[in-house]
Amino acid sequence: EILLEQGIVETKAEAARLARLGEGSVARARGLADPTLTEFR
């Protein structure tokens, strides 16, 4: 919900995916949402 409210992601599906990977941390989830990091991976 926080990821959606802050505009870090646009869809509920992406928010749920990052929430699973974020281990309870907004900062970690925000870093995983970085397009540059995604492209690198």
PDB file of all heavy atoms in Angstrom:
ATOM      1  N   GLU A   1       0.829  -1.209   0.000  1.00  0.00           N
ATOM      2  CA  GLU A   1       0.000   0.000   0.000  1.00  0.00           C
ATOM      3  C   GLU A   1       0.865   1.262   0.000  1.00  0.00           C
ATOM      4  O   GLU A   1       0.567   2.236  -0.706  1.00  0.00           O
ATOM      5  CB  GLU A   1      -0.909  -0.014   1.226  1.00  0.00           C
ATOM      6  CG  GLU A   1      -1.892   1.144   1.267  1.00  0.00           C
ATOM      7  CD  GLU A   1      -2.813   1.068   2.474  1.00  0.00           C
ATOM      8  OE1 GLU A   1      -2.847   0.010   3.138  1.00  0.00           O
ATOM      9  OE2 GLU A   1      -3.507   2.068   2.742  1.00  0.00           O
ATOM     10  N   ILE A   2       1.943   1.241   0.774  1.00  0.00           N
ATOM     11  CA  ILE A   2       2.841   2.401   0.824  1.00  0.00           C
ATOM     12  C   ILE A   2       3.508   2.626  -0.535  1.00  0.00           C
ATOM     13  O   ILE A   2       3.648   3.763  -0.994  1.00  0.00           O
ATOM     14  CB  ILE A   2       3.894   2.194   1.927  1.00  0.00           C
ATOM     15  CG1 ILE A   2       3.225   2.247   3.297  1.00  0.00           C
ATOM     16  CG2 ILE A   2       4.998   3.261   1.843  1.00  0.00           C
ATOM     17  CD1 ILE A   2       4.161   1.900   4.447  1.00  0.00           C
ATOM     18  N   LEU A   3       3.916   1.549  -1.187  1.00  0.00           N
ATOM     19  CA  LEU A   3       4.556   1.673  -2.494  1.00  0.00           C
ATOM     20  C   LEU A   3       3.623   2.318  -3.508  1.00  0.00           C
ATOM     21  O   LEU A   3       4.049   3.126  -4.344  1.00  0.00           O
ATOM     22  CB  LEU A   3       5.007   0.295  -2.986  1.00  0.00           C
ATOM     23  CG  LEU A   3       6.073  -0.412  -2.151  1.00  0.00           C
ATOM     24  CD1 LEU A   3       6.343  -1.808  -2.700  1.00  0.00           C
ATOM     25  CD2 LEU A   3       7.360   0.397  -2.105  1.00  0.00           C
ATOM     26  N   LEU A   4       2.341   1.978  -3.427  1.00  0.00           N
ATOM     27  CA  LEU A   4       1.362   2.585  -4.329  1.00  0.00           C
ATOM     28  C   LEU A   4       1.121   4.051  -3.962  1.00  0.00           C
ATOM     29  O   LEU A   4       1.069   4.919  -4.838  1.00  0.00           O
ATOM     30  CB  LEU A   4       0.053   1.805  -4.281  1.00  0.00           C
ATOM     31  CG  LEU A   4       0.037   0.441  -4.994  1.00  0.00           C
ATOM     32  CD1 LEU A   4      -1.207  -0.338  -4.623  1.00  0.00           C
ATOM     33  CD2 LEU A   4       0.109   0.644  -6.510  1.00  0.00           C
ATOM     34  N   GLU A   5       0.981   4.329  -2.669  1.00  0.00           N
ATOM     35  CA  GLU A   5       0.722   5.702  -2.220  1.00  0.00           C
ATOM     36  C   GLU A   5       1.854   6.640  -2.590  1.00  0.00           C
ATOM     37  O   GLU A   5       1.624   7.802  -2.960  1.00  0.00           O
ATOM     38  CB  GLU A   5       0.509   5.733  -0.702  1.00  0.00           C
ATOM     39  CG  GLU A   5      -0.803   5.125  -0.240  1.00  0.00           C
ATOM     40  CD  GLU A   5      -0.924   5.137   1.267  1.00  0.00           C
ATOM     41  OE1 GLU A   5       0.075   5.487   1.955  1.00  0.00           O
ATOM     42  OE2 GLU A   5      -2.008   4.796   1.774  1.00  0.00           O
ATOM     43  N   GLN A   6       3.092   6.166  -2.511  1.00  0.00           N
ATOM     44  CA  GLN A   6       4.242   7.008  -2.810  1.00  0.00           C
ATOM     45  C   GLN A   6       4.567   7.057  -4.299  1.00  0.00           C
ATOM     46  O   GLN A   6       5.511   7.743  -4.700  1.00  0.00           O
ATOM     47  CB  GLN A   6       5.463   6.513  -2.025  1.00  0.00           C
ATOM     48  CG  GLN A   6       5.316   6.659  -0.516  1.00  0.00           C
ATOM     49  CD  GLN A   6       6.581   6.310   0.237  1.00  0.00           C
ATOM     50  OE1 GLN A   6       7.584   5.902  -0.352  1.00  0.00           O
ATOM     51  NE2 GLN A   6       6.568   6.477   1.557  1.00  0.00           N
ATOM     52  N   GLY A   7       3.802   6.347  -5.101  1.00  0.00           N
ATOM     53  CA  GLY A   7       4.020   6.381  -6.547  1.00  0.00           C
ATOM     54  C   GLY A   7       5.263   5.636  -6.999  1.00  0.00           C
ATOM     55  O   GLY A   7       5.764   5.860  -8.103  1.00  0.00           O
ATOM     56  N   ILE A   8       5.776   4.738  -6.155  1.00  0.00           N
ATOM     57  CA  ILE A   8       6.965   3.970  -6.519  1.00  0.00           C
ATOM     58  C   ILE A   8       6.628   2.955  -7.610  1.00  0.00           C
ATOM     59  O   ILE A   8       7.452   2.646  -8.474  1.00  0.00           O
ATOM     60  CB  ILE A   8       7.546   3.277  -5.274  1.00  0.00           C
ATOM     61  CG1 ILE A   8       7.997   4.338  -4.260  1.00  0.00           C
ATOM     62  CG2 ILE A   8       8.709   2.359  -5.635  1.00  0.00           C
ATOM     63  CD1 ILE A   8       8.427   3.774  -2.924  1.00  0.00           C
ATOM     64  N   VAL A   9       5.394   2.435  -7.563  1.00  0.00           N
ATOM     65  CA  VAL A   9       4.900   1.519  -8.589  1.00  0.00           C
ATOM     66  C   VAL A   9       3.521   2.009  -9.031  1.00  0.00           C
ATOM     67  O   VAL A   9       2.893   2.837  -8.371  1.00  0.00           O
ATOM     68  CB  VAL A   9       4.808   0.072  -8.065  1.00  0.00           C
ATOM     69  CG1 VAL A   9       6.185  -0.475  -7.743  1.00  0.00           C
ATOM     70  CG2 VAL A   9       3.921   0.009  -6.827  1.00  0.00           C
ATOM     71  N   GLU A  10       3.059   1.465 -10.142  1.00  0.00           N
ATOM     72  CA  GLU A  10       1.777   1.914 -10.692  1.00  0.00           C
ATOM     73  C   GLU A  10       0.682   0.868 -10.572  1.00  0.00           C
ATOM     74  O   GLU A  10      -0.499   1.208 -10.654  1.00  0.00           O
ATOM     75  CB  GLU A  10       1.960   2.309 -12.164  1.00  0.00           C
ATOM     76  CG  GLU A  10       2.901   3.497 -12.358  1.00  0.00           C
ATOM     77  CD  GLU A  10       3.034   3.872 -13.819  1.00  0.00           C
ATOM     78  OE1 GLU A  10       2.469   3.143 -14.676  1.00  0.00           O
ATOM     79  OE2 GLU A  10       3.682   4.891 -14.111  1.00  0.00           O
ATOM     80  N   THR A  11       1.039  -0.377 -10.399  1.00  0.00           N
ATOM     81  CA  THR A  11       0.029  -1.434 -10.366  1.00  0.00           C
ATOM     82  C   THR A  11       0.089  -2.199  -9.049  1.00  0.00           C
ATOM     83  O   THR A  11       1.149  -2.287  -8.411  1.00  0.00           O
ATOM     84  CB  THR A  11       0.226  -2.420 -11.530  1.00  0.00           C
ATOM     85  OG1 THR A  11       1.452  -3.134 -11.345  1.00  0.00           O
ATOM     86  CG2 THR A  11       0.281  -1.673 -12.864  1.00  0.00           C
ATOM     87  N   LYS A  12      -1.041  -2.763  -8.672  1.00  0.00           N
ATOM     88  CA  LYS A  12      -1.097  -3.564  -7.454  1.00  0.00           C
ATOM     89  C   LYS A  12      -0.226  -4.812  -7.583  1.00  0.00           C
ATOM     90  O   LYS A  12       0.368  -5.260  -6.602  1.00  0.00           O
ATOM     91  CB  LYS A  12      -2.545  -3.960  -7.151  1.00  0.00           C
ATOM     92  CG  LYS A  12      -3.428  -2.797  -6.724  1.00  0.00           C
ATOM     93  CD  LYS A  12      -4.808  -3.284  -6.347  1.00  0.00           C
ATOM     94  CE  LYS A  12      -5.677  -2.134  -5.849  1.00  0.00           C
ATOM     95  NZ  LYS A  12      -7.038  -2.591  -5.466  1.00  0.00           N
ATOM     96  N   ALA A  13      -0.163  -5.379  -8.790  1.00  0.00           N
ATOM     97  CA  ALA A  13       0.640  -6.583  -8.984  1.00  0.00           C
ATOM     98  C   ALA A  13       2.120  -6.292  -8.734  1.00  0.00           C
ATOM     99  O   ALA A  13       2.813  -7.070  -8.085  1.00  0.00           O
ATOM    100  CB  ALA A  13       0.436  -7.127 -10.394  1.00  0.00           C
ATOM    101  N   GLU A  14       2.604  -5.166  -9.258  1.00  0.00           N
ATOM    102  CA  GLU A  14       4.004  -4.806  -9.051  1.00  0.00           C
ATOM    103  C   GLU A  14       4.264  -4.473  -7.586  1.00  0.00           C
ATOM    104  O   GLU A  14       5.317  -4.800  -7.035  1.00  0.00           O
ATOM    105  CB  GLU A  14       4.377  -3.614  -9.945  1.00  0.00           C
ATOM    106  CG  GLU A  14       5.827  -3.169  -9.850  1.00  0.00           C
ATOM    107  CD  GLU A  14       6.805  -4.197 -10.378  1.00  0.00           C
ATOM    108  OE1 GLU A  14       6.365  -5.251 -10.897  1.00  0.00           O
ATOM    109  OE2 GLU A  14       8.026  -3.959 -10.266  1.00  0.00           O
ATOM    110  N   ALA A  15       3.284  -3.811  -6.954  1.00  0.00           N
ATOM    111  CA  ALA A  15       3.425  -3.497  -5.526  1.00  0.00           C
ATOM    112  C   ALA A  15       3.519  -4.771  -4.700  1.00  0.00           C
ATOM    113  O   ALA A  15       4.348  -4.869  -3.783  1.00  0.00           O
ATOM    114  CB  ALA A  15       2.237  -2.653  -5.067  1.00  0.00           C
ATOM    115  N   ALA A  16       2.692  -5.751  -5.011  1.00  0.00           N
ATOM    116  CA  ALA A  16       2.723  -7.020  -4.280  1.00  0.00           C
ATOM    117  C   ALA A  16       4.043  -7.750  -4.504  1.00  0.00           C
ATOM    118  O   ALA A  16       4.608  -8.341  -3.573  1.00  0.00           O
ATOM    119  CB  ALA A  16       1.548  -7.901  -4.714  1.00  0.00           C
ATOM    120  N   ARG A  17       4.555  -7.694  -5.737  1.00  0.00           N
ATOM    121  CA  ARG A  17       5.821  -8.371  -6.036  1.00  0.00           C
ATOM    122  C   ARG A  17       6.969  -7.749  -5.244  1.00  0.00           C
ATOM    123  O   ARG A  17       7.771  -8.444  -4.623  1.00  0.00           O
ATOM    124  CB  ARG A  17       6.122  -8.287  -7.537  1.00  0.00           C
ATOM    125  CG  ARG A  17       7.374  -9.054  -7.959  1.00  0.00           C
ATOM    126  CD  ARG A  17       7.671  -8.838  -9.430  1.00  0.00           C
ATOM    127  NE  ARG A  17       8.193  -7.505  -9.670  1.00  0.00           N
ATOM    128  CZ  ARG A  17       9.483  -7.170  -9.532  1.00  0.00           C
ATOM    129  NH1 ARG A  17      10.364  -8.074  -9.154  1.00  0.00           N
ATOM    130  NH2 ARG A  17       9.877  -5.939  -9.797  1.00  0.00           N
ATOM    131  N   LEU A  18       7.050  -6.411  -5.246  1.00  0.00           N
ATOM    132  CA  LEU A  18       8.129  -5.738  -4.528  1.00  0.00           C
ATOM    133  C   LEU A  18       7.973  -5.893  -3.020  1.00  0.00           C
ATOM    134  O   LEU A  18       8.965  -5.947  -2.288  1.00  0.00           O
ATOM    135  CB  LEU A  18       8.163  -4.259  -4.904  1.00  0.00           C
ATOM    136  CG  LEU A  18       8.648  -3.940  -6.322  1.00  0.00           C
ATOM    137  CD1 LEU A  18       8.613  -2.443  -6.569  1.00  0.00           C
ATOM    138  CD2 LEU A  18      10.050  -4.476  -6.549  1.00  0.00           C
ATOM    139  N   ALA A  19       6.722  -5.958  -2.550  1.00  0.00           N
ATOM    140  CA  ALA A  19       6.496  -6.149  -1.120  1.00  0.00           C
ATOM    141  C   ALA A  19       7.018  -7.507  -0.664  1.00  0.00           C
ATOM    142  O   ALA A  19       7.530  -7.643   0.455  1.00  0.00           O
ATOM    143  CB  ALA A  19       5.010  -6.013  -0.796  1.00  0.00           C
ATOM    144  N   ARG A  20       6.896  -8.518  -1.524  1.00  0.00           N
ATOM    145  CA  ARG A  20       7.421  -9.841  -1.179  1.00  0.00           C
ATOM    146  C   ARG A  20       8.947  -9.824  -1.113  1.00  0.00           C
ATOM    147  O   ARG A  20       9.560 -10.476  -0.268  1.00  0.00           O
ATOM    148  CB  ARG A  20       6.961 -10.885  -2.203  1.00  0.00           C
ATOM    149  CG  ARG A  20       5.499 -11.272  -2.098  1.00  0.00           C
ATOM    150  CD  ARG A  20       5.201 -12.530  -2.898  1.00  0.00           C
ATOM    151  NE  ARG A  20       5.507 -12.362  -4.315  1.00  0.00           N
ATOM    152  CZ  ARG A  20       4.644 -11.895  -5.210  1.00  0.00           C
ATOM    153  NH1 ARG A  20       3.420 -11.536  -4.836  1.00  0.00           N
ATOM    154  NH2 ARG A  20       4.981 -11.790  -6.474  1.00  0.00           N
ATOM    155  N   LEU A  21       9.567  -9.052  -2.019  1.00  0.00           N
ATOM    156  CA  LEU A  21      11.027  -9.003  -2.086  1.00  0.00           C
ATOM    157  C   LEU A  21      11.624  -8.005  -1.106  1.00  0.00           C
ATOM    158  O   LEU A  21      12.805  -8.091  -0.780  1.00  0.00           O
ATOM    159  CB  LEU A  21      11.474  -8.629  -3.509  1.00  0.00           C
ATOM    160  CG  LEU A  21      11.069  -9.590  -4.631  1.00  0.00           C
ATOM    161  CD1 LEU A  21      11.446  -8.990  -5.978  1.00  0.00           C
ATOM    162  CD2 LEU A  21      11.730 -10.940  -4.448  1.00  0.00           C
ATOM    163  N   GLY A  22      10.805  -7.060  -0.641  1.00  0.00           N
ATOM    164  CA  GLY A  22      11.321  -5.961   0.163  1.00  0.00           C
ATOM    165  C   GLY A  22      11.628  -6.289   1.598  1.00  0.00           C
ATOM    166  O   GLY A  22      12.237  -5.465   2.296  1.00  0.00           O
ATOM    167  N   GLU A  23      11.223  -7.455   2.074  1.00  0.00           N
ATOM    168  CA  GLU A  23      11.516  -7.890   3.442  1.00  0.00           C
ATOM    169  C   GLU A  23      11.084  -6.850   4.484  1.00  0.00           C
ATOM    170  O   GLU A  23      11.775  -6.592   5.458  1.00  0.00           O
ATOM    171  CB  GLU A  23      13.010  -8.194   3.602  1.00  0.00           C
ATOM    172  CG  GLU A  23      13.494  -9.312   2.700  1.00  0.00           C
ATOM    173  CD  GLU A  23      14.974  -9.598   2.854  1.00  0.00           C
ATOM    174  OE1 GLU A  23      15.659  -8.824   3.568  1.00  0.00           O
ATOM    175  OE2 GLU A  23      15.454 -10.588   2.268  1.00  0.00           O
ATOM    176  N   GLY A  24       9.916  -6.243   4.239  1.00  0.00           N
ATOM    177  CA  GLY A  24       9.355  -5.312   5.219  1.00  0.00           C
ATOM    178  C   GLY A  24       9.958  -3.933   5.210  1.00  0.00           C
ATOM    179  O   GLY A  24       9.670  -3.111   6.084  1.00  0.00           O
ATOM    180  N   SER A  25      10.806  -3.610   4.216  1.00  0.00           N
ATOM    181  CA  SER A  25      11.499  -2.324   4.171  1.00  0.00           C
ATOM    182  C   SER A  25      11.110  -1.530   2.931  1.00  0.00           C
ATOM    183  O   SER A  25      11.247  -2.019   1.801  1.00  0.00           O
ATOM    184  CB  SER A  25      13.012  -2.545   4.181  1.00  0.00           C
ATOM    185  OG  SER A  25      13.704  -1.361   3.842  1.00  0.00           O
ATOM    186  N   VAL A  26      10.631  -0.299   3.138  1.00  0.00           N
ATOM    187  CA  VAL A  26      10.299   0.569   2.014  1.00  0.00           C
ATOM    188  C   VAL A  26      11.562   0.888   1.219  1.00  0.00           C
ATOM    189  O   VAL A  26      11.553   0.912  -0.020  1.00  0.00           O
ATOM    190  CB  VAL A  26       9.632   1.869   2.504  1.00  0.00           C
ATOM    191  CG1 VAL A  26       9.360   2.805   1.334  1.00  0.00           C
ATOM    192  CG2 VAL A  26       8.321   1.561   3.233  1.00  0.00           C
ATOM    193  N   ALA A  27      12.659   1.148   1.918  1.00  0.00           N
ATOM    194  CA  ALA A  27      13.907   1.501   1.248  1.00  0.00           C
ATOM    195  C   ALA A  27      14.384   0.368   0.338  1.00  0.00           C
ATOM    196  O   ALA A  27      14.813   0.605  -0.799  1.00  0.00           O
ATOM    197  CB  ALA A  27      14.978   1.837   2.280  1.00  0.00           C
ATOM    198  N   ARG A  28      14.311  -0.860   0.829  1.00  0.00           N
ATOM    199  CA  ARG A  28      14.750  -2.006   0.019  1.00  0.00           C
ATOM    200  C   ARG A  28      13.830  -2.172  -1.192  1.00  0.00           C
ATOM    201  O   ARG A  28      14.302  -2.389  -2.315  1.00  0.00           O
ATOM    202  CB  ARG A  28      14.757  -3.272   0.859  1.00  0.00           C
ATOM    203  CG  ARG A  28      15.132  -4.525   0.082  1.00  0.00           C
ATOM    204  CD  ARG A  28      15.212  -5.736   1.002  1.00  0.00           C
ATOM    205  NE  ARG A  28      15.395  -6.956   0.254  1.00  0.00           N
ATOM    206  CZ  ARG A  28      16.554  -7.392  -0.219  1.00  0.00           C
ATOM    207  NH1 ARG A  28      17.636  -6.677   0.011  1.00  0.00           N
ATOM    208  NH2 ARG A  28      16.644  -8.518  -0.889  1.00  0.00           N
ATOM    209  N   ALA A  29      12.525  -2.064  -0.979  1.00  0.00           N
ATOM    210  CA  ALA A  29      11.580  -2.211  -2.088  1.00  0.00           C
ATOM    211  C   ALA A  29      11.769  -1.103  -3.111  1.00  0.00           C
ATOM    212  O   ALA A  29      11.697  -1.336  -4.319  1.00  0.00           O
ATOM    213  CB  ALA A  29      10.147  -2.203  -1.552  1.00  0.00           C
ATOM    214  N   ARG A  30      12.032   0.116  -2.649  1.00  0.00           N
ATOM    215  CA  ARG A  30      12.256   1.239  -3.564  1.00  0.00           C
ATOM    216  C   ARG A  30      13.508   0.990  -4.417  1.00  0.00           C
ATOM    217  O   ARG A  30      13.529   1.273  -5.611  1.00  0.00           O
ATOM    218  CB  ARG A  30      12.409   2.536  -2.782  1.00  0.00           C
ATOM    219  CG  ARG A  30      12.540   3.765  -3.683  1.00  0.00           C
ATOM    220  CD  ARG A  30      12.843   5.015  -2.878  1.00  0.00           C
ATOM    221  NE  ARG A  30      11.714   5.399  -2.056  1.00  0.00           N
ATOM    222  CZ  ARG A  30      11.740   5.445  -0.729  1.00  0.00           C
ATOM    223  NH1 ARG A  30      12.847   5.125  -0.077  1.00  0.00           N
ATOM    224  NH2 ARG A  30      10.687   5.815  -0.055  1.00  0.00           N
ATOM    225  N   GLY A  31      14.544   0.442  -3.775  1.00  0.00           N
ATOM    226  CA  GLY A  31      15.755   0.133  -4.530  1.00  0.00           C
ATOM    227  C   GLY A  31      15.523  -0.933  -5.580  1.00  0.00           C
ATOM    228  O   GLY A  31      16.055  -0.860  -6.689  1.00  0.00           O
ATOM    229  N   LEU A  32      14.700  -1.916  -5.257  1.00  0.00           N
ATOM    230  CA  LEU A  32      14.398  -2.970  -6.217  1.00  0.00           C
ATOM    231  C   LEU A  32      13.528  -2.472  -7.363  1.00  0.00           C
ATOM    232  O   LEU A  32      13.493  -3.077  -8.426  1.00  0.00           O
ATOM    233  CB  LEU A  32      13.692  -4.133  -5.503  1.00  0.00           C
ATOM    234  CG  LEU A  32      14.547  -4.906  -4.504  1.00  0.00           C
ATOM    235  CD1 LEU A  32      13.680  -5.864  -3.703  1.00  0.00           C
ATOM    236  CD2 LEU A  32      15.663  -5.661  -5.211  1.00  0.00           C
ATOM    237  N   ALA A  33      12.827  -1.350  -7.127  1.00  0.00           N
ATOM    238  CA  ALA A  33      11.966  -0.787  -8.173  1.00  0.00           C
ATOM    239  C   ALA A  33      12.739   0.113  -9.120  1.00  0.00           C
ATOM    240  O   ALA A  33      12.201   0.567 -10.121  1.00  0.00           O
ATOM    241  CB  ALA A  33      10.822   0.014  -7.540  1.00  0.00           C
ATOM    242  N   ASP A  34      14.011   0.385  -8.836  1.00  0.00           N
ATOM    243  CA  ASP A  34      14.834   1.253  -9.664  1.00  0.00           C
ATOM    244  C   ASP A  34      14.958   0.643 -11.058  1.00  0.00           C
ATOM    245  O   ASP A  34      15.469  -0.468 -11.215  1.00  0.00           O
ATOM    246  CB  ASP A  34      16.213   1.397  -9.021  1.00  0.00           C
ATOM    247  CG  ASP A  34      17.097   2.388  -9.758  1.00  0.00           C
ATOM    248  OD1 ASP A  34      16.762   2.737 -10.905  1.00  0.00           O
ATOM    249  OD2 ASP A  34      18.121   2.806  -9.190  1.00  0.00           O
ATOM    250  N   PRO A  35      14.519   1.347 -12.117  1.00  0.00           N
ATOM    251  CA  PRO A  35      14.592   0.785 -13.479  1.00  0.00           C
ATOM    252  C   PRO A  35      16.018   0.427 -13.870  1.00  0.00           C
ATOM    253  O   PRO A  35      16.245  -0.558 -14.571  1.00  0.00           O
ATOM    254  CB  PRO A  35      14.038   1.913 -14.358  1.00  0.00           C
ATOM    255  CG  PRO A  35      13.223   2.771 -13.441  1.00  0.00           C
ATOM    256  CD  PRO A  35      13.893   2.676 -12.100  1.00  0.00           C
ATOM    257  N   THR A  36      16.998   1.200 -13.411  1.00  0.00           N
ATOM    258  CA  THR A  36      18.386   0.914 -13.750  1.00  0.00           C
ATOM    259  C   THR A  36      18.816  -0.425 -13.178  1.00  0.00           C
ATOM    260  O   THR A  36      19.471  -1.230 -13.835  1.00  0.00           O
ATOM    261  CB  THR A  36      19.303   2.023 -13.207  1.00  0.00           C
ATOM    262  OG1 THR A  36      18.856   3.279 -13.714  1.00  0.00           O
ATOM    263  CG2 THR A  36      20.742   1.789 -13.629  1.00  0.00           C
ATOM    264  N   LEU A  37      18.416  -0.694 -11.918  1.00  0.00           N
ATOM    265  CA  LEU A  37      18.748  -1.961 -11.281  1.00  0.00           C
ATOM    266  C   LEU A  37      18.056  -3.109 -11.993  1.00  0.00           C
ATOM    267  O   LEU A  37      18.643  -4.168 -12.216  1.00  0.00           O
ATOM    268  CB  LEU A  37      18.341  -1.922  -9.806  1.00  0.00           C
ATOM    269  CG  LEU A  37      18.599  -3.200  -8.993  1.00  0.00           C
ATOM    270  CD1 LEU A  37      20.077  -3.537  -8.991  1.00  0.00           C
ATOM    271  CD2 LEU A  37      18.084  -3.031  -7.567  1.00  0.00           C
ATOM    272  N   THR A  38      16.790  -2.908 -12.370  1.00  0.00           N
ATOM    273  CA  THR A  38      16.052  -3.957 -13.067  1.00  0.00           C
ATOM    274  C   THR A  38      16.721  -4.301 -14.396  1.00  0.00           C
ATOM    275  O   THR A  38      16.883  -5.471 -14.755  1.00  0.00           O
ATOM    276  CB  THR A  38      14.602  -3.509 -13.310  1.00  0.00           C
ATOM    277  OG1 THR A  38      13.985  -3.204 -12.055  1.00  0.00           O
ATOM    278  CG2 THR A  38      13.806  -4.589 -14.011  1.00  0.00           C
ATOM    279  N   GLU A  39      17.135  -3.260 -15.134  1.00  0.00           N
ATOM    280  CA  GLU A  39      17.783  -3.473 -16.423  1.00  0.00           C
ATOM    281  C   GLU A  39      19.119  -4.188 -16.245  1.00  0.00           C
ATOM    282  O   GLU A  39      19.485  -5.065 -17.024  1.00  0.00           O
ATOM    283  CB  GLU A  39      17.993  -2.127 -17.123  1.00  0.00           C
ATOM    284  CG  GLU A  39      18.382  -2.242 -18.586  1.00  0.00           C
ATOM    285  CD  GLU A  39      17.281  -2.884 -19.421  1.00  0.00           C
ATOM    286  OE1 GLU A  39      16.109  -2.739 -19.055  1.00  0.00           O
ATOM    287  OE2 GLU A  39      17.625  -3.514 -20.453  1.00  0.00           O
ATOM    288  N   PHE A  40      19.848  -3.821 -15.192  1.00  0.00           N
ATOM    289  CA  PHE A  40      21.127  -4.470 -14.908  1.00  0.00           C
ATOM    290  C   PHE A  40      20.934  -5.950 -14.625  1.00  0.00           C
ATOM    291  O   PHE A  40      21.686  -6.798 -15.090  1.00  0.00           O
ATOM    292  CB  PHE A  40      21.798  -3.781 -13.717  1.00  0.00           C
ATOM    293  CG  PHE A  40      23.043  -4.476 -13.242  1.00  0.00           C
ATOM    294  CD1 PHE A  40      24.239  -4.350 -13.936  1.00  0.00           C
ATOM    295  CD2 PHE A  40      23.009  -5.272 -12.109  1.00  0.00           C
ATOM    296  CE1 PHE A  40      25.379  -4.994 -13.498  1.00  0.00           C
ATOM    297  CE2 PHE A  40      24.139  -5.917 -11.671  1.00  0.00           C
ATOM    298  CZ  PHE A  40      25.338  -5.777 -12.367  1.00  0.00           C
ATOM    299  N   ARG A  41      19.878  -6.278 -13.826  1.00  0.00           N
ATOM    300  CA  ARG A  41      19.633  -7.680 -13.496  1.00  0.00           C
ATOM    301  C   ARG A  41      19.268  -8.479 -14.746  1.00  0.00           C
ATOM    302  O   ARG A  41      19.698  -9.617 -14.919  1.00  0.00           O
ATOM    303  CB  ARG A  41      18.500  -7.774 -12.471  1.00  0.00           C
ATOM    304  CG  ARG A  41      18.923  -7.296 -11.090  1.00  0.00           C
ATOM    305  CD  ARG A  41      17.821  -7.542 -10.105  1.00  0.00           C
ATOM    306  NE  ARG A  41      18.308  -7.445  -8.737  1.00  0.00           N
ATOM    307  CZ  ARG A  41      17.645  -7.833  -7.675  1.00  0.00           C
ATOM    308  NH1 ARG A  41      16.464  -8.366  -7.818  1.00  0.00           N
ATOM    309  NH2 ARG A  41      18.147  -7.697  -6.471  1.00  0.00           N
TER     310      ARG A  41
END
